[in-house]
Amino acid sequence: MTGKPTHPGTVLLEDIMKPLNLSVTETARLLGVSRKALSDLINEKSSLSPEMAIRIVKATNTSPERWMNTQQKLTLWTAYQNEQKNVKLFPLTTI
């Protein structure tokens, strides 16, 4: 795999909050979540949940697939970093 994908919290911070000059407190209020929940997301301490993605979609008029795909890419990349070395190929059988 290529380099580490961008965390969706970073996307939210850099592409939406900073250009709109929104604070964490104001963004959390607009999204209807706690300041801590938002802070954990933008500081990459939590993953993007489908529920949070829907809140962001409603606030930004973006697509849920965009947000969830960003999280999925990161989740898969992280899994590959910790992949199991003892997995063997299934034996091939004739059908």
PDB file of N, CA and C in Angstrom:
ATOM      1  N   MET A   1       0.834  -1.196   0.000  1.00  0.00           N
ATOM      2  CA  MET A   1       0.000   0.000   0.000  1.00  0.00           C
ATOM      3  C   MET A   1       0.875   1.254   0.000  1.00  0.00           C
ATOM      4  N   THR A   2       0.276   2.336  -0.380  1.00  0.00           N
ATOM      5  CA  THR A   2       0.982   3.611  -0.425  1.00  0.00           C
ATOM      6  C   THR A   2       1.044   4.218   0.975  1.00  0.00           C
ATOM      7  N   GLY A   3       1.377   5.480   1.055  1.00  0.00           N
ATOM      8  CA  GLY A   3       1.497   6.166   2.335  1.00  0.00           C
ATOM      9  C   GLY A   3       0.190   6.234   3.104  1.00  0.00           C
ATOM     10  N   LYS A   4       0.293   6.643   4.344  1.00  0.00           N
ATOM     11  CA  LYS A   4      -0.865   6.702   5.229  1.00  0.00           C
ATOM     12  C   LYS A   4      -1.905   7.674   4.690  1.00  0.00           C
ATOM     13  N   PRO A   5      -3.148   7.212   4.535  1.00  0.00           N
ATOM     14  CA  PRO A   5      -4.216   8.105   4.088  1.00  0.00           C
ATOM     15  C   PRO A   5      -4.527   9.168   5.143  1.00  0.00           C
ATOM     16  N   THR A   6      -5.098  10.246   4.710  1.00  0.00           N
ATOM     17  CA  THR A   6      -5.456  11.339   5.604  1.00  0.00           C
ATOM     18  C   THR A   6      -6.651  10.934   6.461  1.00  0.00           C
ATOM     19  N   HIS A   7      -6.577  11.230   7.740  1.00  0.00           N
ATOM     20  CA  HIS A   7      -7.661  10.951   8.681  1.00  0.00           C
ATOM     21  C   HIS A   7      -8.831  11.876   8.353  1.00  0.00           C
ATOM     22  N   PRO A   8     -10.073  11.378   8.422  1.00  0.00           N
ATOM     23  CA  PRO A   8     -11.219  12.239   8.114  1.00  0.00           C
ATOM     24  C   PRO A   8     -11.334  13.447   9.052  1.00  0.00           C
ATOM     25  N   GLY A   9     -10.853  13.323  10.268  1.00  0.00           N
ATOM     26  CA  GLY A   9     -10.856  14.463  11.184  1.00  0.00           C
ATOM     27  C   GLY A   9      -9.949  15.575  10.695  1.00  0.00           C
ATOM     28  N   THR A  10      -8.832  15.193  10.113  1.00  0.00           N
ATOM     29  CA  THR A  10      -7.912  16.174   9.541  1.00  0.00           C
ATOM     30  C   THR A  10      -8.543  16.857   8.341  1.00  0.00           C
ATOM     31  N   VAL A  11      -9.262  16.090   7.531  1.00  0.00           N
ATOM     32  CA  VAL A  11      -9.963  16.665   6.381  1.00  0.00           C
ATOM     33  C   VAL A  11     -10.979  17.695   6.869  1.00  0.00           C
ATOM     34  N   LEU A  12     -11.747  17.320   7.888  1.00  0.00           N
ATOM     35  CA  LEU A  12     -12.738  18.239   8.438  1.00  0.00           C
ATOM     36  C   LEU A  12     -12.082  19.517   8.940  1.00  0.00           C
ATOM     37  N   LEU A  13     -10.997  19.374   9.665  1.00  0.00           N
ATOM     38  CA  LEU A  13     -10.299  20.532  10.220  1.00  0.00           C
ATOM     39  C   LEU A  13      -9.701  21.418   9.123  1.00  0.00           C
ATOM     40  N   GLU A  14      -8.923  20.806   8.234  1.00  0.00           N
ATOM     41  CA  GLU A  14      -8.171  21.573   7.244  1.00  0.00           C
ATOM     42  C   GLU A  14      -9.021  22.097   6.082  1.00  0.00           C
ATOM     43  N   ASP A  15      -9.998  21.307   5.657  1.00  0.00           N
ATOM     44  CA  ASP A  15     -10.772  21.677   4.464  1.00  0.00           C
ATOM     45  C   ASP A  15     -12.069  22.416   4.780  1.00  0.00           C
ATOM     46  N   ILE A  16     -12.541  22.314   6.016  1.00  0.00           N
ATOM     47  CA  ILE A  16     -13.822  22.943   6.337  1.00  0.00           C
ATOM     48  C   ILE A  16     -13.698  23.941   7.488  1.00  0.00           C
ATOM     49  N   MET A  17     -13.222  23.474   8.619  1.00  0.00           N
ATOM     50  CA  MET A  17     -13.194  24.347   9.796  1.00  0.00           C
ATOM     51  C   MET A  17     -12.263  25.543   9.621  1.00  0.00           C
ATOM     52  N   LYS A  18     -11.029  25.301   9.195  1.00  0.00           N
ATOM     53  CA  LYS A  18     -10.072  26.413   9.054  1.00  0.00           C
ATOM     54  C   LYS A  18     -10.502  27.433   7.999  1.00  0.00           C
ATOM     55  N   PRO A  19     -10.902  26.985   6.794  1.00  0.00           N
ATOM     56  CA  PRO A  19     -11.334  27.981   5.802  1.00  0.00           C
ATOM     57  C   PRO A  19     -12.545  28.798   6.252  1.00  0.00           C
ATOM     58  N   LEU A  20     -13.423  28.186   7.047  1.00  0.00           N
ATOM     59  CA  LEU A  20     -14.605  28.902   7.524  1.00  0.00           C
ATOM     60  C   LEU A  20     -14.364  29.612   8.855  1.00  0.00           C
ATOM     61  N   ASN A  21     -13.123  29.501   9.342  1.00  0.00           N
ATOM     62  CA  ASN A  21     -12.744  30.123  10.614  1.00  0.00           C
ATOM     63  C   ASN A  21     -13.659  29.681  11.764  1.00  0.00           C
ATOM     64  N   LEU A  22     -13.938  28.358  11.792  1.00  0.00           N
ATOM     65  CA  LEU A  22     -14.799  27.791  12.831  1.00  0.00           C
ATOM     66  C   LEU A  22     -13.952  27.193  13.950  1.00  0.00           C
ATOM     67  N   SER A  23     -14.278  27.512  15.164  1.00  0.00           N
ATOM     68  CA  SER A  23     -13.595  26.922  16.315  1.00  0.00           C
ATOM     69  C   SER A  23     -14.136  25.516  16.562  1.00  0.00           C
ATOM     70  N   VAL A  24     -13.436  24.761  17.393  1.00  0.00           N
ATOM     71  CA  VAL A  24     -13.909  23.437  17.772  1.00  0.00           C
ATOM     72  C   VAL A  24     -15.254  23.560  18.482  1.00  0.00           C
ATOM     73  N   THR A  25     -15.365  24.509  19.381  1.00  0.00           N
ATOM     74  CA  THR A  25     -16.605  24.701  20.129  1.00  0.00           C
ATOM     75  C   THR A  25     -17.770  25.023  19.203  1.00  0.00           C
ATOM     76  N   GLU A  26     -17.566  25.941  18.267  1.00  0.00           N
ATOM     77  CA  GLU A  26     -18.631  26.332  17.342  1.00  0.00           C
ATOM     78  C   GLU A  26     -18.985  25.183  16.405  1.00  0.00           C
ATOM     79  N   THR A  27     -17.987  24.479  15.898  1.00  0.00           N
ATOM     80  CA  THR A  27     -18.248  23.354  15.001  1.00  0.00           C
ATOM     81  C   THR A  27     -19.014  22.261  15.725  1.00  0.00           C
ATOM     82  N   ALA A  28     -18.619  21.967  16.946  1.00  0.00           N
ATOM     83  CA  ALA A  28     -19.321  20.949  17.736  1.00  0.00           C
ATOM     84  C   ALA A  28     -20.775  21.350  17.949  1.00  0.00           C
ATOM     85  N   ARG A  29     -21.007  22.615  18.237  1.00  0.00           N
ATOM     86  CA  ARG A  29     -22.374  23.103  18.427  1.00  0.00           C
ATOM     87  C   ARG A  29     -23.188  22.934  17.143  1.00  0.00           C
ATOM     88  N   LEU A  30     -22.604  23.308  16.017  1.00  0.00           N
ATOM     89  CA  LEU A  30     -23.295  23.201  14.732  1.00  0.00           C
ATOM     90  C   LEU A  30     -23.601  21.742  14.370  1.00  0.00           C
ATOM     91  N   LEU A  31     -22.686  20.841  14.735  1.00  0.00           N
ATOM     92  CA  LEU A  31     -22.881  19.419  14.447  1.00  0.00           C
ATOM     93  C   LEU A  31     -23.784  18.728  15.468  1.00  0.00           C
ATOM     94  N   GLY A  32     -23.996  19.377  16.608  1.00  0.00           N
ATOM     95  CA  GLY A  32     -24.817  18.775  17.646  1.00  0.00           C
ATOM     96  C   GLY A  32     -24.114  17.672  18.405  1.00  0.00           C
ATOM     97  N   VAL A  33     -22.788  17.826  18.568  1.00  0.00           N
ATOM     98  CA  VAL A  33     -21.988  16.849  19.310  1.00  0.00           C
ATOM     99  C   VAL A  33     -21.218  17.556  20.408  1.00  0.00           C
ATOM    100  N   SER A  34     -20.620  16.775  21.301  1.00  0.00           N
ATOM    101  CA  SER A  34     -19.813  17.374  22.355  1.00  0.00           C
ATOM    102  C   SER A  34     -18.493  17.886  21.774  1.00  0.00           C
ATOM    103  N   ARG A  35     -17.942  18.862  22.447  1.00  0.00           N
ATOM    104  CA  ARG A  35     -16.645  19.402  22.048  1.00  0.00           C
ATOM    105  C   ARG A  35     -15.595  18.296  22.093  1.00  0.00           C
ATOM    106  N   LYS A  36     -15.664  17.430  23.107  1.00  0.00           N
ATOM    107  CA  LYS A  36     -14.702  16.328  23.253  1.00  0.00           C
ATOM    108  C   LYS A  36     -14.796  15.359  22.076  1.00  0.00           C
ATOM    109  N   ALA A  37     -16.011  15.013  21.677  1.00  0.00           N
ATOM    110  CA  ALA A  37     -16.180  14.083  20.550  1.00  0.00           C
ATOM    111  C   ALA A  37     -15.541  14.650  19.282  1.00  0.00           C
ATOM    112  N   LEU A  38     -15.764  15.936  19.035  1.00  0.00           N
ATOM    113  CA  LEU A  38     -15.177  16.567  17.855  1.00  0.00           C
ATOM    114  C   LEU A  38     -13.666  16.675  17.994  1.00  0.00           C
ATOM    115  N   SER A  39     -13.208  17.068  19.158  1.00  0.00           N
ATOM    116  CA  SER A  39     -11.776  17.185  19.402  1.00  0.00           C
ATOM    117  C   SER A  39     -11.068  15.847  19.189  1.00  0.00           C
ATOM    118  N   ASP A  40     -11.663  14.768  19.698  1.00  0.00           N
ATOM    119  CA  ASP A  40     -11.073  13.444  19.495  1.00  0.00           C
ATOM    120  C   ASP A  40     -10.975  13.105  18.017  1.00  0.00           C
ATOM    121  N   LEU A  41     -11.982  13.478  17.247  1.00  0.00           N
ATOM    122  CA  LEU A  41     -11.962  13.198  15.811  1.00  0.00           C
ATOM    123  C   LEU A  41     -10.889  14.007  15.100  1.00  0.00           C
ATOM    124  N   ILE A  42     -10.859  15.309  15.311  1.00  0.00           N
ATOM    125  CA  ILE A  42      -9.901  16.136  14.561  1.00  0.00           C
ATOM    126  C   ILE A  42      -8.466  15.949  15.043  1.00  0.00           C
ATOM    127  N   ASN A  43      -8.294  15.394  16.243  1.00  0.00           N
ATOM    128  CA  ASN A  43      -6.946  15.090  16.743  1.00  0.00           C
ATOM    129  C   ASN A  43      -6.569  13.629  16.519  1.00  0.00           C
ATOM    130  N   GLU A  44      -7.354  12.949  15.680  1.00  0.00           N
ATOM    131  CA  GLU A  44      -7.097  11.570  15.258  1.00  0.00           C
ATOM    132  C   GLU A  44      -7.063  10.591  16.422  1.00  0.00           C
ATOM    133  N   LYS A  45      -7.845  10.868  17.460  1.00  0.00           N
ATOM    134  CA  LYS A  45      -7.938   9.956  18.605  1.00  0.00           C
ATOM    135  C   LYS A  45      -9.134   9.028  18.474  1.00  0.00           C
ATOM    136  N   SER A  46     -10.023   9.328  17.528  1.00  0.00           N
ATOM    137  CA  SER A  46     -11.170   8.458  17.281  1.00  0.00           C
ATOM    138  C   SER A  46     -11.394   8.340  15.781  1.00  0.00           C
ATOM    139  N   SER A  47     -12.061   7.266  15.403  1.00  0.00           N
ATOM    140  CA  SER A  47     -12.430   7.046  14.009  1.00  0.00           C
ATOM    141  C   SER A  47     -13.732   7.775  13.715  1.00  0.00           C
ATOM    142  N   LEU A  48     -13.979   7.978  12.455  1.00  0.00           N
ATOM    143  CA  LEU A  48     -15.229   8.595  12.027  1.00  0.00           C
ATOM    144  C   LEU A  48     -16.336   7.552  12.059  1.00  0.00           C
ATOM    145  N   SER A  49     -17.348   7.784  12.848  1.00  0.00           N
ATOM    146  CA  SER A  49     -18.496   6.873  12.901  1.00  0.00           C
ATOM    147  C   SER A  49     -19.478   7.247  11.789  1.00  0.00           C
ATOM    148  N   PRO A  50     -20.318   6.303  11.381  1.00  0.00           N
ATOM    149  CA  PRO A  50     -21.351   6.651  10.395  1.00  0.00           C
ATOM    150  C   PRO A  50     -22.250   7.776  10.895  1.00  0.00           C
ATOM    151  N   GLU A  51     -22.532   7.789  12.187  1.00  0.00           N
ATOM    152  CA  GLU A  51     -23.387   8.838  12.751  1.00  0.00           C
ATOM    153  C   GLU A  51     -22.735  10.221  12.619  1.00  0.00           C
ATOM    154  N   MET A  52     -21.444  10.303  12.942  1.00  0.00           N
ATOM    155  CA  MET A  52     -20.734  11.577  12.807  1.00  0.00           C
ATOM    156  C   MET A  52     -20.640  11.963  11.334  1.00  0.00           C
ATOM    157  N   ALA A  53     -20.426  10.991  10.472  1.00  0.00           N
ATOM    158  CA  ALA A  53     -20.360  11.278   9.033  1.00  0.00           C
ATOM    159  C   ALA A  53     -21.663  11.911   8.556  1.00  0.00           C
ATOM    160  N   ILE A  54     -22.791  11.378   8.998  1.00  0.00           N
ATOM    161  CA  ILE A  54     -24.087  11.926   8.594  1.00  0.00           C
ATOM    162  C   ILE A  54     -24.244  13.357   9.104  1.00  0.00           C
ATOM    163  N   ARG A  55     -23.783  13.627  10.311  1.00  0.00           N
ATOM    164  CA  ARG A  55     -23.846  14.996  10.846  1.00  0.00           C
ATOM    165  C   ARG A  55     -23.019  15.948   9.974  1.00  0.00           C
ATOM    166  N   ILE A  56     -21.820  15.507   9.598  1.00  0.00           N
ATOM    167  CA  ILE A  56     -20.953  16.337   8.758  1.00  0.00           C
ATOM    168  C   ILE A  56     -21.594  16.545   7.388  1.00  0.00           C
ATOM    169  N   VAL A  57     -22.170  15.486   6.844  1.00  0.00           N
ATOM    170  CA  VAL A  57     -22.843  15.577   5.539  1.00  0.00           C
ATOM    171  C   VAL A  57     -23.956  16.613   5.580  1.00  0.00           C
ATOM    172  N   LYS A  58     -24.771  16.563   6.630  1.00  0.00           N
ATOM    173  CA  LYS A  58     -25.887  17.507   6.742  1.00  0.00           C
ATOM    174  C   LYS A  58     -25.397  18.945   6.900  1.00  0.00           C
ATOM    175  N   ALA A  59     -24.276  19.125   7.583  1.00  0.00           N
ATOM    176  CA  ALA A  59     -23.748  20.468   7.826  1.00  0.00           C
ATOM    177  C   ALA A  59     -22.990  21.035   6.625  1.00  0.00           C
ATOM    178  N   THR A  60     -22.480  20.149   5.767  1.00  0.00           N
ATOM    179  CA  THR A  60     -21.610  20.603   4.680  1.00  0.00           C
ATOM    180  C   THR A  60     -22.169  20.352   3.286  1.00  0.00           C
ATOM    181  N   ASN A  61     -23.294  19.641   3.203  1.00  0.00           N
ATOM    182  CA  ASN A  61     -23.872  19.294   1.912  1.00  0.00           C
ATOM    183  C   ASN A  61     -22.887  18.507   1.044  1.00  0.00           C
ATOM    184  N   THR A  62     -22.171  17.578   1.685  1.00  0.00           N
ATOM    185  CA  THR A  62     -21.254  16.680   0.979  1.00  0.00           C
ATOM    186  C   THR A  62     -21.855  15.284   0.989  1.00  0.00           C
ATOM    187  N   SER A  63     -21.140  14.320   0.418  1.00  0.00           N
ATOM    188  CA  SER A  63     -21.688  12.967   0.343  1.00  0.00           C
ATOM    189  C   SER A  63     -21.181  12.096   1.490  1.00  0.00           C
ATOM    190  N   PRO A  64     -22.031  11.212   2.000  1.00  0.00           N
ATOM    191  CA  PRO A  64     -21.587  10.323   3.069  1.00  0.00           C
ATOM    192  C   PRO A  64     -20.497   9.366   2.591  1.00  0.00           C
ATOM    193  N   GLU A  65     -20.561   8.989   1.328  1.00  0.00           N
ATOM    194  CA  GLU A  65     -19.548   8.078   0.788  1.00  0.00           C
ATOM    195  C   GLU A  65     -18.157   8.699   0.840  1.00  0.00           C
ATOM    196  N   ARG A  66     -18.075   9.984   0.574  1.00  0.00           N
ATOM    197  CA  ARG A  66     -16.772  10.661   0.627  1.00  0.00           C
ATOM    198  C   ARG A  66     -16.152  10.513   2.014  1.00  0.00           C
ATOM    199  N   TRP A  67     -16.960  10.777   3.030  1.00  0.00           N
ATOM    200  CA  TRP A  67     -16.442  10.730   4.402  1.00  0.00           C
ATOM    201  C   TRP A  67     -16.130   9.310   4.846  1.00  0.00           C
ATOM    202  N   MET A  68     -17.027   8.380   4.542  1.00  0.00           N
ATOM    203  CA  MET A  68     -16.808   7.001   4.978  1.00  0.00           C
ATOM    204  C   MET A  68     -15.682   6.340   4.182  1.00  0.00           C
ATOM    205  N   ASN A  69     -15.527   6.700   2.916  1.00  0.00           N
ATOM    206  CA  ASN A  69     -14.408   6.161   2.132  1.00  0.00           C
ATOM    207  C   ASN A  69     -13.074   6.631   2.690  1.00  0.00           C
ATOM    208  N   THR A  70     -13.032   7.873   3.144  1.00  0.00           N
ATOM    209  CA  THR A  70     -11.805   8.391   3.760  1.00  0.00           C
ATOM    210  C   THR A  70     -11.456   7.560   4.988  1.00  0.00           C
ATOM    211  N   GLN A  71     -12.457   7.262   5.815  1.00  0.00           N
ATOM    212  CA  GLN A  71     -12.215   6.444   7.006  1.00  0.00           C
ATOM    213  C   GLN A  71     -11.833   5.016   6.631  1.00  0.00           C
ATOM    214  N   GLN A  72     -12.512   4.452   5.643  1.00  0.00           N
ATOM    215  CA  GLN A  72     -12.227   3.079   5.242  1.00  0.00           C
ATOM    216  C   GLN A  72     -10.796   2.931   4.724  1.00  0.00           C
ATOM    217  N   LYS A  73     -10.339   3.875   3.935  1.00  0.00           N
ATOM    218  CA  LYS A  73      -8.960   3.826   3.431  1.00  0.00           C
ATOM    219  C   LYS A  73      -7.967   3.830   4.583  1.00  0.00           C
ATOM    220  N   LEU A  74      -8.210   4.674   5.577  1.00  0.00           N
ATOM    221  CA  LEU A  74      -7.329   4.749   6.731  1.00  0.00           C
ATOM    222  C   LEU A  74      -7.393   3.462   7.547  1.00  0.00           C
ATOM    223  N   THR A  75      -8.587   2.937   7.744  1.00  0.00           N
ATOM    224  CA  THR A  75      -8.757   1.706   8.519  1.00  0.00           C
ATOM    225  C   THR A  75      -8.036   0.539   7.852  1.00  0.00           C
ATOM    226  N   LEU A  76      -8.178   0.410   6.539  1.00  0.00           N
ATOM    227  CA  LEU A  76      -7.494  -0.666   5.818  1.00  0.00           C
ATOM    228  C   LEU A  76      -5.984  -0.486   5.847  1.00  0.00           C
ATOM    229  N   TRP A  77      -5.520   0.737   5.685  1.00  0.00           N
ATOM    230  CA  TRP A  77      -4.080   0.998   5.736  1.00  0.00           C
ATOM    231  C   TRP A  77      -3.531   0.591   7.103  1.00  0.00           C
ATOM    232  N   THR A  78      -4.248   0.962   8.157  1.00  0.00           N
ATOM    233  CA  THR A  78      -3.816   0.626   9.516  1.00  0.00           C
ATOM    234  C   THR A  78      -3.790  -0.890   9.702  1.00  0.00           C
ATOM    235  N   ALA A  79      -4.799  -1.582   9.196  1.00  0.00           N
ATOM    236  CA  ALA A  79      -4.839  -3.046   9.305  1.00  0.00           C
ATOM    237  C   ALA A  79      -3.656  -3.677   8.592  1.00  0.00           C
ATOM    238  N   TYR A  80      -3.290  -3.154   7.430  1.00  0.00           N
ATOM    239  CA  TYR A  80      -2.142  -3.686   6.709  1.00  0.00           C
ATOM    240  C   TYR A  80      -0.841  -3.464   7.472  1.00  0.00           C
ATOM    241  N   GLN A  81      -0.766  -2.426   8.247  1.00  0.00           N
ATOM    242  CA  GLN A  81       0.442  -2.181   9.032  1.00  0.00           C
ATOM    243  C   GLN A  81       0.596  -3.243  10.125  1.00  0.00           C
ATOM    244  N   ASN A  82      -0.515  -3.841  10.524  1.00  0.00           N
ATOM    245  CA  ASN A  82      -0.519  -4.842  11.591  1.00  0.00           C
ATOM    246  C   ASN A  82      -0.926  -6.223  11.075  1.00  0.00           C
ATOM    247  N   GLU A  83      -0.712  -6.458   9.785  1.00  0.00           N
ATOM    248  CA  GLU A  83      -1.204  -7.708   9.209  1.00  0.00           C
ATOM    249  C   GLU A  83      -0.520  -8.920   9.841  1.00  0.00           C
ATOM    250  N   GLN A  84      -1.278  -9.986   9.905  1.00  0.00           N
ATOM    251  CA  GLN A  84      -0.801 -11.226  10.494  1.00  0.00           C
ATOM    252  C   GLN A  84       0.170 -11.915   9.541  1.00  0.00           C
ATOM    253  N   LYS A  85       1.315 -12.319  10.064  1.00  0.00           N
ATOM    254  CA  LYS A  85       2.339 -12.961   9.243  1.00  0.00           C
ATOM    255  C   LYS A  85       2.134 -14.466   9.138  1.00  0.00           C
ATOM    256  N   ASN A  86       1.292 -15.042  10.002  1.00  0.00           N
ATOM    257  CA  ASN A  86       1.130 -16.497  10.017  1.00  0.00           C
ATOM    258  C   ASN A  86      -0.043 -16.996   9.183  1.00  0.00           C
ATOM    259  N   VAL A  87      -0.620 -16.154   8.344  1.00  0.00           N
ATOM    260  CA  VAL A  87      -1.736 -16.552   7.494  1.00  0.00           C
ATOM    261  C   VAL A  87      -1.182 -17.253   6.258  1.00  0.00           C
ATOM    262  N   LYS A  88      -1.754 -18.405   5.959  1.00  0.00           N
ATOM    263  CA  LYS A  88      -1.335 -19.201   4.790  1.00  0.00           C
ATOM    264  C   LYS A  88      -2.461 -19.200   3.752  1.00  0.00           C
ATOM    265  N   LEU A  89      -2.077 -19.366   2.493  1.00  0.00           N
ATOM    266  CA  LEU A  89      -3.065 -19.485   1.420  1.00  0.00           C
ATOM    267  C   LEU A  89      -3.885 -20.748   1.594  1.00  0.00           C
ATOM    268  N   PHE A  90      -5.164 -20.681   1.253  1.00  0.00           N
ATOM    269  CA  PHE A  90      -5.997 -21.875   1.251  1.00  0.00           C
ATOM    270  C   PHE A  90      -5.473 -22.808   0.170  1.00  0.00           C
ATOM    271  N   PRO A  91      -5.537 -24.106   0.404  1.00  0.00           N
ATOM    272  CA  PRO A  91      -5.102 -25.048  -0.655  1.00  0.00           C
ATOM    273  C   PRO A  91      -6.055 -24.954  -1.833  1.00  0.00           C
ATOM    274  N   LEU A  92      -5.512 -25.021  -3.023  1.00  0.00           N
ATOM    275  CA  LEU A  92      -6.341 -24.956  -4.226  1.00  0.00           C
ATOM    276  C   LEU A  92      -7.022 -26.311  -4.426  1.00  0.00           C
ATOM    277  N   THR A  93      -8.264 -26.267  -4.777  1.00  0.00           N
ATOM    278  CA  THR A  93      -9.004 -27.496  -5.046  1.00  0.00           C
ATOM    279  C   THR A  93      -9.563 -27.435  -6.445  1.00  0.00           C
ATOM    280  N   THR A  94      -9.835 -28.579  -7.009  1.00  0.00           N
ATOM    281  CA  THR A  94     -10.441 -28.664  -8.330  1.00  0.00           C
ATOM    282  C   THR A  94     -11.939 -28.769  -8.154  1.00  0.00           C
ATOM    283  N   ILE A  95     -12.656 -27.919  -8.856  1.00  0.00           N
ATOM    284  CA  ILE A  95     -14.115 -27.908  -8.735  1.00  0.00           C
ATOM    285  C   ILE A  95     -14.714 -28.678  -9.881  1.00  0.00           C
TER     286      ILE A  95
END
